[in-house]
Amino acid sequence: MESFDFIESGIVFGLQNAKTLKQFKYSSNDFATHGDAYKFVIEYFDNYGDVPTPGILTENFPTLDTSAQTLDLEYAADIFKNQLLYRQIVGTFQQNKTLLQENPKRAYSLITSGLNDIGIVYDEDVISYDKTAEARLQEWREKRLVRTTEGGLLGIKTSLDTINNTGVGWMPGELISVFARPSVGKTWFCIESAAEAAFNGVKTLLISTEMPEAQISLRTDVVFANKMGYEFSHRALRNGGEIDEDSYREFLLKLNGRPLLICDHISGQTSMTIESVATLVRKHSPEFVVIDGAYLINSGSGRSKQAWEESHTLFYALKNLATATNLSIMVSTQANRAAADIFTPPQADQVAFGDALLRASDVLLSLCRVQDDPMRRLLQYQKYRDAESFADLSTLEWNPDIGRIKEVHQDY
């Protein structure tokens, strides 16, 4: 086993930015020889927003092994973990050495309990609560920095001021769902959500199971145009009607670099599966995925299932995908026939094919028309993370022909 001095020096020198500091989930007490140097790195970063240079480190801690500066951090962290395990096991026996001679039965119980506690820390399936305390403090500091100096919004900006005003948008690992009866506007809402994220620089993957890319792109054109100060009619773009051609050309040129990817099929597959969606995510590394018509995705189980069982498998797989890849996923699906009144927001128990979507989702939204006002939609918050308290209903200005879908006020 390589020396504690060499490995710990390599770690102290290898912590070069906020990302590496966050990934290294140990405290200064876990070090055998250079805990003070590690603590100095953390405090230096907190005070100055950067890590100390090797020169500053060696000036303040001359006992660091400078030959470890080129040591790979990932390798050093793996060795450090084994060294820590070794020291904790030896320490457990050392603490009970005297008792082992005087009361072997009691010593055996304490040693066994101590080894079990160590095993919990190194079990890949669980996390020791106290061992992540420092990481949680660092995470809060980073969130606080965003809230106070970088626009004040954590996560991805949404299309809803009601949510943005809480200071937390769509967050990594979340499944956001919207459901409604046919013809209410789920596709337009999905396009608006994807466009809003991409407009703000978030790499977004928009997947449609019902509509070809060409139609999705035309709808996206008018939504993006509205955000950029242009106004085109979707109806005119679709049927060749009258528009300002020069303005349209100018707008399309300005789209260059917008981080939006659109997918309407998977090559070589007759149907879209959860596995193929996961492959797209791995291939293109989006931060936000929007799936319009998620109920048409095949869970890929390979066997015939009841509709509710298929729905359960699908939506929990999507939630797991969001968690495993640390991205936000939005999906749309149908409300069932019990929600026949298209002027009343469908309720959580009216999602088609059972309640799996309700249980798997972090945020669940339902959408309906407004009677006698085709230029409005009502959005109801059926489920929201941490039970944030705000309006039950939001009213949306709804003019998709010119790409204007915007929250205008809240109904209490």
Protein backbone atom coordinates (compact mmCIF):
# COMPACT_ATOMS: atom_id res chain seq x y z
CA MET A 1 0.00 0.00 0.00
CA GLU A 2 1.35 3.42 -0.94
CA SER A 3 2.13 5.75 1.94
CA PHE A 4 -0.57 7.88 3.52
CA ASP A 5 1.69 10.91 3.01
CA PHE A 6 2.01 10.39 -0.76
CA ILE A 7 -1.68 9.65 -1.44
CA GLU A 8 -3.01 12.44 0.77
CA SER A 9 -0.54 14.92 -0.75
CA GLY A 10 -1.78 13.89 -4.21
CA ILE A 11 -5.36 14.59 -3.16
CA VAL A 12 -4.57 18.01 -1.68
CA PHE A 13 -2.71 19.03 -4.85
CA GLY A 14 -5.35 17.43 -7.09
CA LEU A 15 -8.36 19.38 -5.76
CA GLN A 16 -8.20 22.06 -8.44
CA ASN A 17 -11.73 23.48 -8.76
CA ALA A 18 -15.26 23.51 -7.33
CA LYS A 19 -16.19 20.31 -9.18
CA THR A 20 -13.36 18.24 -7.71
CA LEU A 21 -14.02 19.67 -4.25
CA LYS A 22 -17.67 18.67 -4.48
CA GLN A 23 -16.87 15.15 -5.72
CA PHE A 24 -14.44 14.46 -2.88
CA LYS A 25 -16.85 13.60 -0.08
CA TYR A 26 -14.48 13.24 2.88
CA SER A 27 -13.72 15.49 5.83
CA SER A 28 -10.37 16.64 7.23
CA ASN A 29 -10.83 14.15 10.08
CA ASP A 30 -10.57 11.29 7.57
CA PHE A 31 -6.94 12.19 6.76
CA ALA A 32 -4.06 10.52 8.56
CA THR A 33 -1.37 13.15 7.93
CA HIS A 34 -2.60 16.08 5.85
CA GLY A 35 -6.03 16.91 7.23
CA ASP A 36 -4.95 20.48 8.00
CA ALA A 37 -3.85 21.01 4.40
CA TYR A 38 -7.16 19.68 3.10
CA LYS A 39 -9.05 21.94 5.50
CA PHE A 40 -6.93 24.88 4.29
CA VAL A 41 -7.97 24.16 0.66
CA ILE A 42 -11.67 24.17 1.62
CA GLU A 43 -11.42 27.39 3.63
CA TYR A 44 -9.32 29.08 0.94
CA PHE A 45 -11.96 28.26 -1.67
CA ASP A 46 -14.76 29.54 0.58
CA ASN A 47 -12.92 32.83 1.12
CA TYR A 48 -11.57 33.49 -2.38
CA GLY A 49 -13.69 31.39 -4.74
CA ASP A 50 -10.62 29.52 -6.01
CA VAL A 51 -8.21 26.84 -4.84
CA PRO A 52 -4.68 27.67 -3.63
CA THR A 53 -1.80 27.15 -6.04
CA PRO A 54 0.78 24.41 -5.36
CA GLY A 55 3.19 27.18 -4.34
CA ILE A 56 0.81 28.48 -1.69
CA LEU A 57 0.18 24.95 -0.44
CA THR A 58 3.87 24.04 -0.10
CA GLU A 59 4.62 27.39 1.53
CA ASN A 60 1.99 26.80 4.19
CA PHE A 61 2.44 23.01 4.47
CA PRO A 62 6.08 22.12 3.72
CA THR A 63 5.49 18.49 4.77
CA LEU A 64 3.37 17.84 1.64
CA ASP A 65 5.05 15.45 -0.78
CA THR A 66 5.57 17.57 -3.91
CA SER A 67 6.29 14.47 -6.02
CA ALA A 68 2.55 13.67 -5.74
CA GLN A 69 1.49 16.74 -7.74
CA THR A 70 1.10 14.69 -10.93
CA LEU A 71 -0.88 11.91 -9.25
CA ASP A 72 -4.27 11.21 -10.88
CA LEU A 73 -6.96 12.42 -8.46
CA GLU A 74 -9.42 9.60 -9.23
CA TYR A 75 -6.72 7.01 -8.57
CA ALA A 76 -5.62 8.79 -5.39
CA ALA A 77 -9.22 8.95 -4.13
CA ASP A 78 -9.66 5.19 -4.65
CA ILE A 79 -6.45 4.45 -2.72
CA PHE A 80 -7.45 6.96 -0.03
CA LYS A 81 -10.74 5.15 0.45
CA ASN A 82 -8.91 1.84 1.00
CA GLN A 83 -6.41 3.46 3.35
CA LEU A 84 -9.20 5.01 5.37
CA LEU A 85 -10.95 1.64 5.58
CA TYR A 86 -7.69 0.03 6.71
CA ARG A 87 -7.11 2.64 9.43
CA GLN A 88 -10.68 2.42 10.69
CA ILE A 89 -10.57 -1.37 10.93
CA VAL A 90 -7.22 -1.29 12.75
CA GLY A 91 -8.52 1.50 14.97
CA THR A 92 -11.58 -0.55 15.95
CA PHE A 93 -9.36 -3.38 17.17
CA GLN A 94 -6.91 -1.01 18.88
CA GLN A 95 -9.71 0.72 20.80
CA ASN A 96 -10.83 -2.61 22.23
CA LYS A 97 -7.41 -4.21 22.74
CA THR A 98 -7.37 -3.87 26.53
CA LEU A 99 -11.03 -4.86 26.87
CA LEU A 100 -10.35 -7.93 24.74
CA GLN A 101 -8.10 -9.25 27.48
CA GLU A 102 -10.44 -8.35 30.33
CA ASN A 103 -13.85 -9.12 28.84
CA PRO A 104 -13.60 -10.91 25.47
CA LYS A 105 -17.36 -11.26 25.10
CA ARG A 106 -17.97 -7.54 25.52
CA ALA A 107 -15.00 -6.71 23.28
CA TYR A 108 -16.35 -9.03 20.59
CA SER A 109 -19.69 -7.24 20.67
CA LEU A 110 -18.07 -3.79 20.38
CA ILE A 111 -15.67 -4.88 17.64
CA THR A 112 -18.48 -6.47 15.64
CA SER A 113 -20.65 -3.39 16.02
CA GLY A 114 -17.76 -1.12 15.04
CA LEU A 115 -16.95 -3.15 11.93
CA ASN A 116 -20.60 -3.12 10.91
CA ASP A 117 -20.63 0.68 11.20
CA ILE A 118 -17.56 0.87 8.98
CA GLY A 119 -19.23 -1.46 6.48
CA ILE A 120 -22.23 0.84 6.21
CA VAL A 121 -19.98 3.74 5.24
CA TYR A 122 -18.45 1.72 2.40
CA ASP A 123 -21.64 0.07 1.19
CA GLU A 124 -22.36 1.34 -2.32
CA ASP A 125 -26.12 1.22 -1.71
CA VAL A 126 -26.29 3.50 1.32
CA ILE A 127 -24.72 6.76 2.43
CA SER A 128 -23.73 7.59 5.98
CA TYR A 129 -25.65 10.74 6.92
CA ASP A 130 -22.80 12.41 8.81
CA LYS A 131 -20.23 11.69 6.09
CA THR A 132 -22.04 13.94 3.61
CA ALA A 133 -22.41 16.87 6.01
CA GLU A 134 -19.52 18.87 4.57
CA ALA A 135 -20.75 18.24 1.03
CA ARG A 136 -24.20 19.56 1.98
CA LEU A 137 -22.64 22.71 3.42
CA GLN A 138 -20.69 23.25 0.20
CA GLU A 139 -23.81 22.61 -1.87
CA TRP A 140 -25.74 25.24 0.12
CA ARG A 141 -22.92 27.74 -0.44
CA GLU A 142 -23.06 27.13 -4.17
CA LYS A 143 -26.84 27.55 -4.21
CA ARG A 144 -26.55 30.74 -2.19
CA LEU A 145 -24.02 32.10 -4.68
CA VAL A 146 -26.45 31.44 -7.54
CA ARG A 147 -29.35 33.05 -5.69
CA THR A 148 -27.41 36.21 -4.87
CA THR A 149 -25.09 36.77 -7.84
CA GLU A 150 -26.20 34.74 -10.87
CA GLY A 151 -29.79 35.67 -11.55
CA GLY A 152 -31.36 34.22 -8.45
CA LEU A 153 -32.75 31.02 -9.98
CA LEU A 154 -31.59 27.50 -9.21
CA GLY A 155 -32.01 24.97 -11.98
CA ILE A 156 -33.61 25.54 -15.39
CA LYS A 157 -35.84 28.55 -15.97
CA THR A 158 -39.43 27.48 -16.58
CA SER A 159 -42.20 29.14 -18.59
CA LEU A 160 -44.12 29.81 -15.38
CA ASP A 161 -43.33 32.82 -13.19
CA THR A 162 -45.23 31.15 -10.35
CA ILE A 163 -42.49 28.52 -10.21
CA ASN A 164 -39.56 30.78 -11.09
CA ASN A 165 -40.51 33.16 -8.28
CA THR A 166 -39.82 30.43 -5.72
CA GLY A 167 -36.16 30.66 -6.77
CA VAL A 168 -36.12 27.05 -7.96
CA GLY A 169 -36.81 26.03 -11.55
CA TRP A 170 -36.66 22.56 -13.06
CA MET A 171 -34.00 20.76 -11.05
CA PRO A 172 -31.63 17.91 -12.00
CA GLY A 173 -33.12 14.50 -11.25
CA GLU A 174 -36.72 15.69 -11.48
CA LEU A 175 -39.58 14.27 -13.52
CA ILE A 176 -42.05 17.01 -14.50
CA SER A 177 -45.34 15.90 -16.01
CA VAL A 178 -48.27 17.62 -17.70
CA PHE A 179 -51.51 15.88 -18.63
CA ALA A 180 -54.73 16.93 -20.35
CA ARG A 181 -57.47 15.74 -22.64
CA PRO A 182 -56.78 15.69 -26.41
CA SER A 183 -56.75 19.04 -28.25
CA VAL A 184 -56.15 21.10 -25.10
CA GLY A 185 -52.53 21.95 -25.98
CA LYS A 186 -50.02 19.53 -24.44
CA THR A 187 -47.72 19.65 -27.46
CA TRP A 188 -47.64 23.43 -27.54
CA PHE A 189 -46.88 23.51 -23.80
CA CYS A 190 -44.01 21.05 -24.30
CA ILE A 191 -42.59 23.10 -27.16
CA GLU A 192 -42.86 26.31 -25.12
CA SER A 193 -41.05 24.64 -22.20
CA ALA A 194 -38.28 23.28 -24.42
CA ALA A 195 -37.87 26.60 -26.24
CA GLU A 196 -37.71 28.57 -22.97
CA ALA A 197 -34.90 26.36 -21.69
CA ALA A 198 -32.96 26.47 -24.98
CA PHE A 199 -33.53 30.23 -25.26
CA ASN A 200 -31.72 30.55 -21.90
CA GLY A 201 -28.78 28.46 -23.08
CA VAL A 202 -29.81 25.07 -21.67
CA LYS A 203 -29.03 22.14 -23.96
CA THR A 204 -32.45 20.62 -24.56
CA LEU A 205 -33.66 17.45 -26.28
CA LEU A 206 -37.27 17.58 -27.51
CA ILE A 207 -38.72 14.17 -28.36
CA SER A 208 -42.05 13.80 -30.15
CA THR A 209 -43.81 10.47 -30.40
CA GLU A 210 -46.80 11.84 -32.33
CA MET A 211 -45.64 14.58 -34.67
CA PRO A 212 -42.88 14.64 -37.33
CA GLU A 213 -39.84 16.86 -36.94
CA ALA A 214 -40.97 19.24 -39.70
CA GLN A 215 -44.20 20.08 -37.88
CA ILE A 216 -42.47 20.39 -34.53
CA SER A 217 -39.88 22.73 -36.05
CA LEU A 218 -42.55 25.03 -37.53
CA ARG A 219 -44.25 25.29 -34.16
CA THR A 220 -40.89 25.91 -32.50
CA ASP A 221 -40.19 28.67 -35.02
CA VAL A 222 -43.13 30.78 -33.90
CA VAL A 223 -42.41 30.18 -30.20
CA PHE A 224 -38.75 31.13 -30.55
CA ALA A 225 -39.70 34.09 -32.77
CA ASN A 226 -42.03 35.45 -30.11
CA LYS A 227 -39.24 35.30 -27.52
CA MET A 228 -36.87 37.09 -29.90
CA GLY A 229 -39.22 39.95 -30.78
CA TYR A 230 -40.59 38.61 -34.10
CA GLU A 231 -44.12 37.59 -34.92
CA PHE A 232 -45.05 35.00 -37.53
CA SER A 233 -48.24 33.05 -38.02
CA HIS A 234 -47.87 29.30 -37.58
CA ARG A 235 -50.88 28.88 -39.83
CA ALA A 236 -49.17 30.88 -42.58
CA LEU A 237 -45.89 28.99 -42.20
CA ARG A 238 -47.75 25.72 -42.42
CA ASN A 239 -49.97 26.47 -45.44
CA GLY A 240 -47.77 28.91 -47.35
CA GLY A 241 -49.73 32.01 -46.37
CA GLU A 242 -48.47 35.56 -46.31
CA ILE A 243 -45.53 36.42 -43.99
CA ASP A 244 -42.67 38.91 -44.03
CA GLU A 245 -40.11 36.74 -45.81
CA ASP A 246 -37.15 38.99 -45.03
CA SER A 247 -37.97 38.98 -41.33
CA TYR A 248 -38.39 35.21 -41.36
CA ARG A 249 -35.00 34.77 -43.05
CA GLU A 250 -33.39 37.16 -40.56
CA PHE A 251 -34.95 35.26 -37.65
CA LEU A 252 -33.79 31.87 -38.95
CA LEU A 253 -30.21 33.14 -39.28
CA LYS A 254 -30.29 34.32 -35.66
CA LEU A 255 -31.25 30.80 -34.53
CA ASN A 256 -27.69 29.65 -35.14
CA GLY A 257 -26.32 28.05 -31.99
CA ARG A 258 -29.58 27.62 -30.10
CA PRO A 259 -29.02 24.42 -28.07
CA LEU A 260 -32.22 22.60 -29.07
CA LEU A 261 -32.27 19.07 -30.51
CA ILE A 262 -35.44 17.54 -31.98
CA CYS A 263 -36.14 13.83 -32.40
CA ASP A 264 -39.25 12.20 -33.88
CA HIS A 265 -37.95 8.63 -34.34
CA ILE A 266 -35.08 6.29 -33.52
CA SER A 267 -33.27 4.89 -36.56
CA GLY A 268 -33.94 1.21 -37.19
CA GLN A 269 -36.74 0.95 -34.62
CA THR A 270 -40.46 0.67 -35.28
CA SER A 271 -41.32 2.17 -31.90
CA MET A 272 -39.56 4.38 -29.39
CA THR A 273 -38.48 2.61 -26.21
CA ILE A 274 -37.17 3.80 -22.88
CA GLU A 275 -33.83 2.20 -23.79
CA SER A 276 -33.62 4.25 -26.99
CA VAL A 277 -34.42 7.42 -25.07
CA ALA A 278 -31.63 6.59 -22.63
CA THR A 279 -29.28 6.04 -25.58
CA LEU A 280 -30.12 9.49 -26.95
CA VAL A 281 -29.42 11.00 -23.56
CA ARG A 282 -26.03 9.30 -23.30
CA LYS A 283 -25.14 10.26 -26.87
CA HIS A 284 -26.11 13.94 -26.77
CA SER A 285 -25.78 14.79 -23.03
CA PRO A 286 -28.72 17.23 -22.73
CA GLU A 287 -29.51 19.06 -19.52
CA PHE A 288 -33.26 19.03 -20.16
CA VAL A 289 -35.35 16.41 -21.97
CA VAL A 290 -38.94 17.07 -23.04
CA ILE A 291 -41.03 14.11 -24.26
CA ASP A 292 -44.33 14.92 -25.91
CA GLY A 293 -46.65 11.90 -25.86
CA ALA A 294 -44.72 9.80 -23.37
CA TYR A 295 -47.57 7.26 -23.19
CA LEU A 296 -46.56 6.04 -26.68
CA ILE A 297 -43.06 5.06 -25.52
CA ASN A 298 -42.57 1.32 -25.10
CA SER A 299 -41.13 0.27 -21.75
CA GLY A 300 -39.12 -2.39 -23.60
CA SER A 301 -39.95 -5.16 -21.16
CA GLY A 302 -40.44 -7.64 -23.99
CA ARG A 303 -43.67 -9.09 -22.64
CA SER A 304 -47.35 -8.26 -22.81
CA LYS A 305 -48.60 -6.15 -19.89
CA GLN A 306 -51.76 -4.53 -18.70
CA ALA A 307 -51.90 -0.83 -19.60
CA TRP A 308 -51.53 0.26 -15.96
CA GLU A 309 -48.53 -2.05 -15.50
CA GLU A 310 -46.87 -0.74 -18.66
CA SER A 311 -47.50 2.81 -17.45
CA HIS A 312 -45.94 2.03 -14.08
CA THR A 313 -42.82 0.56 -15.68
CA LEU A 314 -42.48 3.45 -18.13
CA PHE A 315 -42.85 6.39 -15.77
CA TYR A 316 -40.67 4.94 -13.04
CA ALA A 317 -38.04 4.19 -15.70
CA LEU A 318 -38.17 7.84 -16.78
CA LYS A 319 -37.85 9.00 -13.18
CA ASN A 320 -34.86 6.66 -12.71
CA LEU A 321 -33.31 7.99 -15.92
CA ALA A 322 -33.63 11.57 -14.65
CA THR A 323 -32.04 10.62 -11.34
CA ALA A 324 -29.25 8.48 -12.81
CA THR A 325 -28.23 11.07 -15.41
CA ASN A 326 -28.84 14.12 -13.18
CA LEU A 327 -31.03 15.90 -15.71
CA SER A 328 -34.58 17.27 -15.76
CA ILE A 329 -37.19 15.39 -17.77
CA MET A 330 -40.61 16.76 -18.73
CA VAL A 331 -43.27 14.48 -20.20
CA SER A 332 -46.81 14.93 -21.45
CA THR A 333 -49.54 12.33 -21.35
CA GLN A 334 -53.32 11.94 -21.57
CA ALA A 335 -56.05 12.44 -19.02
CA ASN A 336 -58.57 9.62 -19.01
CA ARG A 337 -62.24 9.79 -20.04
CA ALA A 338 -63.33 10.67 -16.52
CA ALA A 339 -61.92 14.11 -17.29
CA ALA A 340 -64.35 14.62 -20.17
CA ASP A 341 -65.03 18.25 -19.26
CA ILE A 342 -62.21 20.04 -21.12
CA PHE A 343 -63.02 23.27 -19.22
CA THR A 344 -62.12 21.77 -15.83
CA PRO A 345 -58.53 20.87 -14.93
CA PRO A 346 -58.26 17.07 -14.78
CA GLN A 347 -57.38 15.79 -11.32
CA ALA A 348 -54.47 13.63 -10.23
CA ASP A 349 -56.62 10.48 -10.22
CA GLN A 350 -57.62 11.12 -13.84
CA VAL A 351 -54.24 10.43 -15.45
CA ALA A 352 -54.68 7.75 -18.12
CA PHE A 353 -53.60 4.21 -17.20
CA GLY A 354 -53.36 4.51 -13.45
CA ASP A 355 -51.58 6.69 -10.92
CA ALA A 356 -47.96 5.77 -11.73
CA LEU A 357 -47.31 9.21 -13.20
CA LEU A 358 -48.56 10.90 -10.04
CA ARG A 359 -46.30 8.81 -7.83
CA ALA A 360 -43.21 9.03 -10.05
CA SER A 361 -43.42 12.76 -10.75
CA ASP A 362 -41.83 15.51 -8.70
CA VAL A 363 -44.07 18.08 -10.37
CA LEU A 364 -47.48 17.24 -11.87
CA LEU A 365 -49.45 19.80 -13.87
CA SER A 366 -52.85 19.53 -15.52
CA LEU A 367 -54.11 21.71 -18.35
CA CYS A 368 -57.58 22.66 -19.52
CA ARG A 369 -59.39 25.14 -21.77
CA VAL A 370 -61.27 28.22 -20.53
CA GLN A 371 -64.93 28.34 -21.51
CA ASP A 372 -65.81 31.20 -23.87
CA ASP A 373 -62.15 32.27 -24.06
CA PRO A 374 -60.04 30.28 -26.55
CA MET A 375 -57.09 32.62 -25.86
CA ARG A 376 -56.68 31.30 -22.30
CA ARG A 377 -55.73 28.04 -20.63
CA LEU A 378 -55.83 27.06 -16.96
CA LEU A 379 -52.91 25.20 -15.43
CA GLN A 380 -53.41 23.44 -12.11
CA TYR A 381 -50.59 22.29 -9.82
CA GLN A 382 -51.58 18.75 -8.83
CA LYS A 383 -48.25 18.00 -7.17
CA TYR A 384 -45.22 20.13 -6.44
CA ARG A 385 -41.90 19.41 -4.77
CA ASP A 386 -41.66 20.08 -1.04
CA ALA A 387 -45.28 21.31 -1.03
CA GLU A 388 -44.29 24.89 -1.84
CA SER A 389 -47.30 27.10 -1.18
CA PHE A 390 -48.50 29.24 -4.04
CA ALA A 391 -51.55 29.60 -6.24
CA ASP A 392 -53.48 26.45 -7.02
CA LEU A 393 -54.21 27.68 -10.55
CA SER A 394 -52.32 29.70 -13.13
CA THR A 395 -53.90 31.38 -16.13
CA LEU A 396 -51.98 31.23 -19.39
CA GLU A 397 -52.31 33.59 -22.30
CA TRP A 398 -52.75 31.13 -25.15
CA ASN A 399 -52.05 32.29 -28.70
CA PRO A 400 -50.01 29.48 -30.22
CA ASP A 401 -50.49 30.75 -33.77
CA ILE A 402 -47.94 33.49 -32.99
CA GLY A 403 -46.07 31.39 -30.39
CA ARG A 404 -47.27 33.36 -27.38
CA ILE A 405 -47.84 31.07 -24.40
CA LYS A 406 -47.34 33.01 -21.20
CA GLU A 407 -48.56 33.01 -17.62
CA VAL A 408 -50.55 36.19 -17.11
CA HIS A 409 -51.90 35.92 -13.57
CA GLN A 410 -52.73 33.50 -10.79
CA ASP A 411 -56.16 32.47 -9.57
CA TYR A 412 -56.30 31.99 -5.80
